[in-house]
Amino acid sequence: MTADELFEKGIALLNDNTPLAALAFFEKAYNIKKTPSIQSYLGMCIALERGKITYGCMLCNEAILQEPVNPVHYLNLGKIYQKAGKRVDAIETFRKGLSFGDNQEIKRILDKLGTRKKPLLPFLPRNNFLNKYTGLMMHRLKLR
């Protein structure tokens, strides 16, 4: 099989929600041909399945350096950040990916993550007890 065929098979397996099997195809494709798309998906699968977050981020960032306008690379990097518990970095990365093109999966993930409203008292930090409890009270009263 060629690298492109292996890559397509890996994408199909990811869509079928079997990322571990997809990882094997991406590794084989990457050994044959090192394209940014293969590198990006390989990095995501390595981080999500094997837990090698740093290596996965490195692969995705290299893919972004080679193709900075491809939103799929940002999607894959954002998924790694989510896995690592870096919610703010993930949202920032997803938004940057959307700036380069329309991607329904990024939009779906951002909708699922939600957005925070501005603090009621912007001159105080978000975690200040006045902001926290005033916001909770306004939310419960459905005034915000």
N, C-alpha and C. Protein backbone atom coordinates (compact mmCIF):
# COMPACT_ATOMS: atom_id res chain seq x y z
N MET A 1 0.83 -1.19 0.00
CA MET A 1 0.00 0.00 0.00
C MET A 1 0.88 1.25 0.00
N THR A 2 0.38 2.29 -0.63
CA THR A 2 1.12 3.54 -0.65
C THR A 2 0.82 4.32 0.63
N ALA A 3 1.60 5.37 0.85
CA ALA A 3 1.42 6.19 2.05
C ALA A 3 0.05 6.86 2.05
N ASP A 4 -0.41 7.28 0.86
CA ASP A 4 -1.73 7.93 0.78
C ASP A 4 -2.85 6.95 1.10
N GLU A 5 -2.73 5.72 0.64
CA GLU A 5 -3.75 4.71 0.94
C GLU A 5 -3.77 4.37 2.43
N LEU A 6 -2.58 4.27 3.02
CA LEU A 6 -2.49 4.01 4.46
C LEU A 6 -3.10 5.17 5.26
N PHE A 7 -2.83 6.39 4.80
CA PHE A 7 -3.36 7.57 5.47
C PHE A 7 -4.89 7.59 5.39
N GLU A 8 -5.44 7.31 4.22
CA GLU A 8 -6.90 7.28 4.06
C GLU A 8 -7.53 6.20 4.93
N LYS A 9 -6.88 5.06 5.02
CA LYS A 9 -7.38 3.97 5.87
C LYS A 9 -7.36 4.41 7.35
N GLY A 10 -6.30 5.11 7.74
CA GLY A 10 -6.21 5.62 9.11
C GLY A 10 -7.31 6.63 9.41
N ILE A 11 -7.60 7.51 8.46
CA ILE A 11 -8.68 8.50 8.63
C ILE A 11 -10.02 7.77 8.78
N ALA A 12 -10.24 6.75 7.96
CA ALA A 12 -11.49 5.98 8.03
C ALA A 12 -11.63 5.31 9.40
N LEU A 13 -10.53 4.78 9.91
CA LEU A 13 -10.56 4.15 11.23
C LEU A 13 -10.82 5.17 12.35
N LEU A 14 -10.26 6.37 12.19
CA LEU A 14 -10.54 7.42 13.17
C LEU A 14 -12.02 7.79 13.14
N ASN A 15 -12.59 7.87 11.96
CA ASN A 15 -14.02 8.18 11.83
C ASN A 15 -14.90 7.07 12.41
N ASP A 16 -14.38 5.84 12.41
CA ASP A 16 -15.10 4.71 13.01
C ASP A 16 -14.83 4.59 14.51
N ASN A 17 -14.10 5.58 15.04
CA ASN A 17 -13.79 5.64 16.48
C ASN A 17 -12.90 4.49 16.95
N THR A 18 -11.91 4.16 16.13
CA THR A 18 -10.90 3.17 16.53
C THR A 18 -9.51 3.80 16.34
N PRO A 19 -9.15 4.73 17.23
CA PRO A 19 -7.89 5.46 17.06
C PRO A 19 -6.64 4.60 17.23
N LEU A 20 -6.71 3.54 17.99
CA LEU A 20 -5.53 2.70 18.16
C LEU A 20 -5.17 2.00 16.86
N ALA A 21 -6.17 1.50 16.16
CA ALA A 21 -5.92 0.88 14.86
C ALA A 21 -5.44 1.92 13.85
N ALA A 22 -6.00 3.13 13.94
CA ALA A 22 -5.60 4.20 13.03
C ALA A 22 -4.13 4.57 13.25
N LEU A 23 -3.70 4.52 14.50
CA LEU A 23 -2.31 4.85 14.83
C LEU A 23 -1.33 3.98 14.06
N ALA A 24 -1.64 2.70 13.96
CA ALA A 24 -0.75 1.77 13.23
C ALA A 24 -0.63 2.18 11.75
N PHE A 25 -1.75 2.57 11.15
CA PHE A 25 -1.72 2.98 9.75
C PHE A 25 -0.97 4.29 9.57
N PHE A 26 -1.15 5.23 10.50
CA PHE A 26 -0.43 6.51 10.41
C PHE A 26 1.07 6.30 10.58
N GLU A 27 1.46 5.38 11.46
CA GLU A 27 2.90 5.10 11.64
C GLU A 27 3.51 4.52 10.37
N LYS A 28 2.78 3.58 9.75
CA LYS A 28 3.29 2.98 8.50
C LYS A 28 3.38 4.03 7.41
N ALA A 29 2.36 4.89 7.31
CA ALA A 29 2.36 5.93 6.28
C ALA A 29 3.49 6.93 6.53
N TYR A 30 3.74 7.26 7.79
CA TYR A 30 4.78 8.23 8.12
C TYR A 30 6.17 7.68 7.82
N ASN A 31 6.34 6.36 7.96
CA ASN A 31 7.63 5.75 7.62
C ASN A 31 7.89 5.79 6.12
N ILE A 32 6.83 5.80 5.32
CA ILE A 32 6.97 5.83 3.87
C ILE A 32 7.13 7.27 3.37
N LYS A 33 6.26 8.15 3.87
CA LYS A 33 6.22 9.52 3.35
C LYS A 33 5.88 10.47 4.50
N LYS A 34 6.71 11.47 4.71
CA LYS A 34 6.53 12.38 5.83
C LYS A 34 5.84 13.67 5.38
N THR A 35 4.50 13.63 5.28
CA THR A 35 3.74 14.83 4.92
C THR A 35 3.21 15.47 6.20
N PRO A 36 2.91 16.77 6.16
CA PRO A 36 2.37 17.43 7.35
C PRO A 36 1.05 16.83 7.85
N SER A 37 0.19 16.40 6.94
CA SER A 37 -1.09 15.81 7.35
C SER A 37 -0.88 14.50 8.11
N ILE A 38 -0.04 13.65 7.57
CA ILE A 38 0.25 12.38 8.25
C ILE A 38 0.90 12.65 9.60
N GLN A 39 1.82 13.60 9.63
CA GLN A 39 2.53 13.95 10.85
C GLN A 39 1.56 14.47 11.92
N SER A 40 0.61 15.29 11.50
CA SER A 40 -0.35 15.86 12.43
C SER A 40 -1.25 14.78 13.05
N TYR A 41 -1.79 13.91 12.21
CA TYR A 41 -2.66 12.84 12.72
C TYR A 41 -1.87 11.83 13.56
N LEU A 42 -0.64 11.56 13.15
CA LEU A 42 0.21 10.66 13.94
C LEU A 42 0.47 11.24 15.32
N GLY A 43 0.78 12.53 15.38
CA GLY A 43 1.02 13.19 16.66
C GLY A 43 -0.20 13.13 17.56
N MET A 44 -1.38 13.37 17.00
CA MET A 44 -2.60 13.31 17.79
C MET A 44 -2.84 11.91 18.33
N CYS A 45 -2.70 10.90 17.48
CA CYS A 45 -2.96 9.52 17.91
C CYS A 45 -1.94 9.06 18.95
N ILE A 46 -0.68 9.45 18.79
CA ILE A 46 0.34 9.07 19.77
C ILE A 46 0.02 9.69 21.13
N ALA A 47 -0.39 10.96 21.11
CA ALA A 47 -0.70 11.63 22.37
C ALA A 47 -1.95 11.04 23.03
N LEU A 48 -2.97 10.77 22.24
CA LEU A 48 -4.23 10.30 22.82
C LEU A 48 -4.17 8.83 23.22
N GLU A 49 -3.50 8.01 22.44
CA GLU A 49 -3.49 6.58 22.71
C GLU A 49 -2.33 6.12 23.59
N ARG A 50 -1.17 6.69 23.38
CA ARG A 50 0.00 6.26 24.15
C ARG A 50 0.33 7.20 25.31
N GLY A 51 -0.31 8.37 25.33
CA GLY A 51 -0.07 9.32 26.41
C GLY A 51 1.21 10.12 26.26
N LYS A 52 1.83 10.08 25.10
CA LYS A 52 3.07 10.83 24.87
C LYS A 52 2.69 12.23 24.38
N ILE A 53 2.26 13.06 25.32
CA ILE A 53 1.73 14.38 25.01
C ILE A 53 2.80 15.28 24.38
N THR A 54 3.99 15.30 24.94
CA THR A 54 5.05 16.18 24.46
C THR A 54 5.45 15.83 23.03
N TYR A 55 5.60 14.55 22.75
CA TYR A 55 5.98 14.11 21.41
C TYR A 55 4.86 14.42 20.41
N GLY A 56 3.62 14.19 20.81
CA GLY A 56 2.49 14.48 19.95
C GLY A 56 2.39 15.96 19.64
N CYS A 57 2.60 16.81 20.65
CA CYS A 57 2.59 18.26 20.43
C CYS A 57 3.70 18.67 19.47
N MET A 58 4.86 18.07 19.63
CA MET A 58 5.98 18.40 18.76
C MET A 58 5.65 18.07 17.30
N LEU A 59 5.07 16.89 17.07
CA LEU A 59 4.71 16.51 15.71
C LEU A 59 3.67 17.45 15.12
N CYS A 60 2.66 17.79 15.90
CA CYS A 60 1.61 18.69 15.41
C CYS A 60 2.16 20.10 15.15
N ASN A 61 3.03 20.58 16.03
CA ASN A 61 3.61 21.91 15.83
C ASN A 61 4.50 21.96 14.59
N GLU A 62 5.22 20.87 14.32
CA GLU A 62 6.02 20.81 13.10
C GLU A 62 5.12 20.83 11.86
N ALA A 63 3.99 20.13 11.94
CA ALA A 63 3.04 20.13 10.82
C ALA A 63 2.47 21.54 10.61
N ILE A 64 2.20 22.24 11.71
CA ILE A 64 1.69 23.61 11.61
C ILE A 64 2.74 24.53 11.00
N LEU A 65 4.01 24.33 11.34
CA LEU A 65 5.07 25.15 10.74
C LEU A 65 5.17 24.93 9.23
N GLN A 66 4.91 23.70 8.78
CA GLN A 66 4.99 23.40 7.36
C GLN A 66 3.74 23.86 6.60
N GLU A 67 2.56 23.73 7.24
CA GLU A 67 1.29 24.15 6.63
C GLU A 67 0.50 24.98 7.64
N PRO A 68 0.86 26.25 7.80
CA PRO A 68 0.23 27.05 8.85
C PRO A 68 -1.23 27.41 8.61
N VAL A 69 -1.75 27.20 7.42
CA VAL A 69 -3.13 27.60 7.13
C VAL A 69 -4.09 26.42 7.07
N ASN A 70 -3.66 25.25 7.51
CA ASN A 70 -4.52 24.07 7.51
C ASN A 70 -5.20 23.93 8.87
N PRO A 71 -6.53 24.14 8.95
CA PRO A 71 -7.21 24.09 10.25
C PRO A 71 -7.19 22.71 10.91
N VAL A 72 -6.99 21.65 10.14
CA VAL A 72 -6.98 20.30 10.70
C VAL A 72 -5.81 20.11 11.65
N HIS A 73 -4.68 20.73 11.35
CA HIS A 73 -3.52 20.63 12.24
C HIS A 73 -3.83 21.25 13.60
N TYR A 74 -4.54 22.38 13.58
CA TYR A 74 -4.92 23.04 14.83
C TYR A 74 -5.95 22.20 15.59
N LEU A 75 -6.83 21.53 14.86
CA LEU A 75 -7.80 20.63 15.48
C LEU A 75 -7.07 19.52 16.23
N ASN A 76 -6.11 18.90 15.57
CA ASN A 76 -5.37 17.80 16.19
C ASN A 76 -4.57 18.28 17.41
N LEU A 77 -3.94 19.44 17.29
CA LEU A 77 -3.17 19.98 18.42
C LEU A 77 -4.10 20.34 19.57
N GLY A 78 -5.27 20.90 19.25
CA GLY A 78 -6.24 21.23 20.28
C GLY A 78 -6.73 20.01 21.03
N LYS A 79 -6.90 18.90 20.32
CA LYS A 79 -7.33 17.66 20.98
C LYS A 79 -6.25 17.17 21.95
N ILE A 80 -5.00 17.36 21.58
CA ILE A 80 -3.90 16.97 22.47
C ILE A 80 -3.94 17.84 23.74
N TYR A 81 -4.14 19.14 23.55
CA TYR A 81 -4.22 20.03 24.71
C TYR A 81 -5.39 19.65 25.62
N GLN A 82 -6.50 19.27 25.02
CA GLN A 82 -7.64 18.83 25.82
C GLN A 82 -7.27 17.61 26.65
N LYS A 83 -6.61 16.65 26.02
CA LYS A 83 -6.19 15.42 26.72
C LYS A 83 -5.25 15.75 27.87
N ALA A 84 -4.40 16.77 27.67
CA ALA A 84 -3.43 17.16 28.70
C ALA A 84 -4.06 18.01 29.79
N GLY A 85 -5.33 18.38 29.62
CA GLY A 85 -6.00 19.20 30.63
C GLY A 85 -5.72 20.68 30.48
N LYS A 86 -5.20 21.08 29.34
CA LYS A 86 -4.89 22.50 29.09
C LYS A 86 -6.05 23.11 28.30
N ARG A 87 -7.15 23.37 28.98
CA ARG A 87 -8.39 23.83 28.35
C ARG A 87 -8.20 25.18 27.64
N VAL A 88 -7.52 26.11 28.28
CA VAL A 88 -7.33 27.44 27.70
C VAL A 88 -6.50 27.35 26.42
N ASP A 89 -5.43 26.56 26.44
CA ASP A 89 -4.60 26.38 25.25
C ASP A 89 -5.39 25.70 24.14
N ALA A 90 -6.22 24.74 24.51
CA ALA A 90 -7.04 24.04 23.52
C ALA A 90 -7.99 25.00 22.84
N ILE A 91 -8.70 25.81 23.61
CA ILE A 91 -9.66 26.75 23.03
C ILE A 91 -8.94 27.75 22.14
N GLU A 92 -7.81 28.25 22.59
CA GLU A 92 -7.02 29.20 21.80
C GLU A 92 -6.59 28.57 20.47
N THR A 93 -6.16 27.33 20.53
CA THR A 93 -5.71 26.62 19.33
C THR A 93 -6.88 26.37 18.38
N PHE A 94 -8.03 25.95 18.92
CA PHE A 94 -9.20 25.74 18.07
C PHE A 94 -9.62 27.03 17.38
N ARG A 95 -9.62 28.13 18.12
CA ARG A 95 -10.01 29.42 17.53
C ARG A 95 -9.04 29.86 16.45
N LYS A 96 -7.76 29.62 16.68
CA LYS A 96 -6.77 29.96 15.66
C LYS A 96 -6.99 29.12 14.40
N GLY A 97 -7.34 27.86 14.59
CA GLY A 97 -7.64 26.99 13.44
C GLY A 97 -8.85 27.49 12.66
N LEU A 98 -9.87 27.96 13.37
CA LEU A 98 -11.06 28.49 12.69
C LEU A 98 -10.74 29.75 11.89
N SER A 99 -9.72 30.49 12.30
CA SER A 99 -9.37 31.70 11.57
C SER A 99 -8.79 31.38 10.19
N PHE A 100 -8.35 30.15 9.98
CA PHE A 100 -7.79 29.76 8.70
C PHE A 100 -8.76 29.02 7.80
N GLY A 101 -9.94 28.72 8.30
CA GLY A 101 -10.92 28.04 7.47
C GLY A 101 -12.03 27.45 8.32
N ASP A 102 -13.13 27.17 7.66
CA ASP A 102 -14.30 26.63 8.34
C ASP A 102 -14.11 25.13 8.56
N ASN A 103 -14.23 24.71 9.82
CA ASN A 103 -14.09 23.30 10.16
C ASN A 103 -15.21 22.95 11.13
N GLN A 104 -16.10 22.09 10.70
CA GLN A 104 -17.28 21.76 11.50
C GLN A 104 -16.92 21.06 12.81
N GLU A 105 -15.89 20.25 12.79
CA GLU A 105 -15.50 19.54 14.02
C GLU A 105 -14.97 20.51 15.07
N ILE A 106 -14.20 21.50 14.63
CA ILE A 106 -13.71 22.52 15.57
C ILE A 106 -14.89 23.29 16.16
N LYS A 107 -15.85 23.65 15.32
CA LYS A 107 -17.03 24.37 15.80
C LYS A 107 -17.80 23.54 16.81
N ARG A 108 -17.96 22.25 16.52
CA ARG A 108 -18.69 21.36 17.42
C ARG A 108 -17.97 21.25 18.77
N ILE A 109 -16.66 21.12 18.75
CA ILE A 109 -15.90 21.02 20.00
C ILE A 109 -15.99 22.32 20.80
N LEU A 110 -15.87 23.46 20.12
CA LEU A 110 -15.96 24.74 20.82
C LEU A 110 -17.35 24.95 21.41
N ASP A 111 -18.39 24.54 20.70
CA ASP A 111 -19.74 24.64 21.25
C ASP A 111 -19.89 23.77 22.49
N LYS A 112 -19.29 22.59 22.44
CA LYS A 112 -19.35 21.67 23.58
C LYS A 112 -18.60 22.23 24.78
N LEU A 113 -17.45 22.85 24.52
CA LEU A 113 -16.65 23.43 25.61
C LEU A 113 -17.33 24.65 26.21
N GLY A 114 -18.04 25.41 25.38
CA GLY A 114 -18.73 26.61 25.85
C GLY A 114 -17.78 27.77 26.05
N THR A 115 -18.36 28.92 26.28
CA THR A 115 -17.56 30.11 26.53
C THR A 115 -18.00 30.73 27.85
N ARG A 116 -17.09 31.36 28.48
CA ARG A 116 -17.38 32.02 29.75
C ARG A 116 -17.76 33.46 29.50
N LYS A 117 -18.69 33.92 30.29
CA LYS A 117 -19.09 35.32 30.21
C LYS A 117 -18.04 36.15 30.94
N LYS A 118 -18.04 37.45 30.63
CA LYS A 118 -17.11 38.34 31.32
C LYS A 118 -17.51 38.46 32.78
N PRO A 119 -16.54 38.66 33.66
CA PRO A 119 -16.88 38.82 35.08
C PRO A 119 -17.78 40.04 35.29
N LEU A 120 -18.66 39.95 36.27
CA LEU A 120 -19.56 41.07 36.56
C LEU A 120 -18.80 42.31 36.99
N LEU A 121 -17.76 42.11 37.74
CA LEU A 121 -16.93 43.22 38.21
C LEU A 121 -15.57 43.10 37.52
N PRO A 122 -15.42 43.70 36.33
CA PRO A 122 -14.20 43.48 35.54
C PRO A 122 -12.92 44.01 36.18
N PHE A 123 -13.05 44.89 37.14
CA PHE A 123 -11.85 45.44 37.79
C PHE A 123 -11.29 44.48 38.85
N LEU A 124 -12.06 43.41 39.15
CA LEU A 124 -11.59 42.38 40.09
C LEU A 124 -11.24 41.11 39.31
N PRO A 125 -10.33 40.30 39.84
CA PRO A 125 -10.01 39.03 39.15
C PRO A 125 -11.23 38.12 39.09
N ARG A 126 -11.25 37.25 38.11
CA ARG A 126 -12.38 36.33 37.92
C ARG A 126 -12.62 35.47 39.15
N ASN A 127 -11.57 35.03 39.83
CA ASN A 127 -11.73 34.12 40.96
C ASN A 127 -11.98 34.84 42.29
N ASN A 128 -12.13 36.17 42.26
CA ASN A 128 -12.47 36.91 43.46
C ASN A 128 -13.86 36.50 43.94
N PHE A 129 -14.02 36.36 45.25
CA PHE A 129 -15.29 35.84 45.78
C PHE A 129 -16.48 36.71 45.39
N LEU A 130 -16.29 38.03 45.28
CA LEU A 130 -17.40 38.90 44.87
C LEU A 130 -17.86 38.57 43.44
N ASN A 131 -16.90 38.42 42.54
CA ASN A 131 -17.24 38.05 41.16
C ASN A 131 -17.90 36.68 41.11
N LYS A 132 -17.32 35.76 41.84
CA LYS A 132 -17.79 34.38 41.80
C LYS A 132 -19.23 34.26 42.29
N TYR A 133 -19.49 34.77 43.47
CA TYR A 133 -20.82 34.58 44.07
C TYR A 133 -21.88 35.50 43.48
N THR A 134 -21.47 36.69 43.04
CA THR A 134 -22.43 37.57 42.35
C THR A 134 -22.85 36.94 41.03
N GLY A 135 -21.89 36.38 40.33
CA GLY A 135 -22.20 35.70 39.07
C GLY A 135 -23.10 34.51 39.27
N LEU A 136 -22.83 33.71 40.30
CA LEU A 136 -23.69 32.55 40.59
C LEU A 136 -25.11 32.99 40.93
N MET A 137 -25.23 34.03 41.73
CA MET A 137 -26.55 34.52 42.12
C MET A 137 -27.31 35.06 40.90
N MET A 138 -26.63 35.82 40.05
CA MET A 138 -27.28 36.37 38.87
C MET A 138 -27.71 35.24 37.92
N HIS A 139 -26.90 34.20 37.84
CA HIS A 139 -27.25 33.06 36.98
C HIS A 139 -28.47 32.34 37.51
N ARG A 140 -28.52 32.11 38.80
CA ARG A 140 -29.67 31.41 39.40
C ARG A 140 -30.95 32.21 39.30
N LEU A 141 -30.83 33.52 39.34
CA LEU A 141 -32.01 34.38 39.20
C LEU A 141 -32.38 34.59 37.72
N LYS A 142 -31.57 33.97 36.83
CA LYS A 142 -31.76 34.08 35.39
C LYS A 142 -31.71 35.53 34.90
N LEU A 143 -30.86 36.32 35.53
CA LEU A 143 -30.65 37.70 35.13
C LEU A 143 -29.42 37.83 34.24
N ARG A 144 -28.72 36.73 34.08
CA ARG A 144 -27.51 36.76 33.27
C ARG A 144 -27.39 35.51 32.47
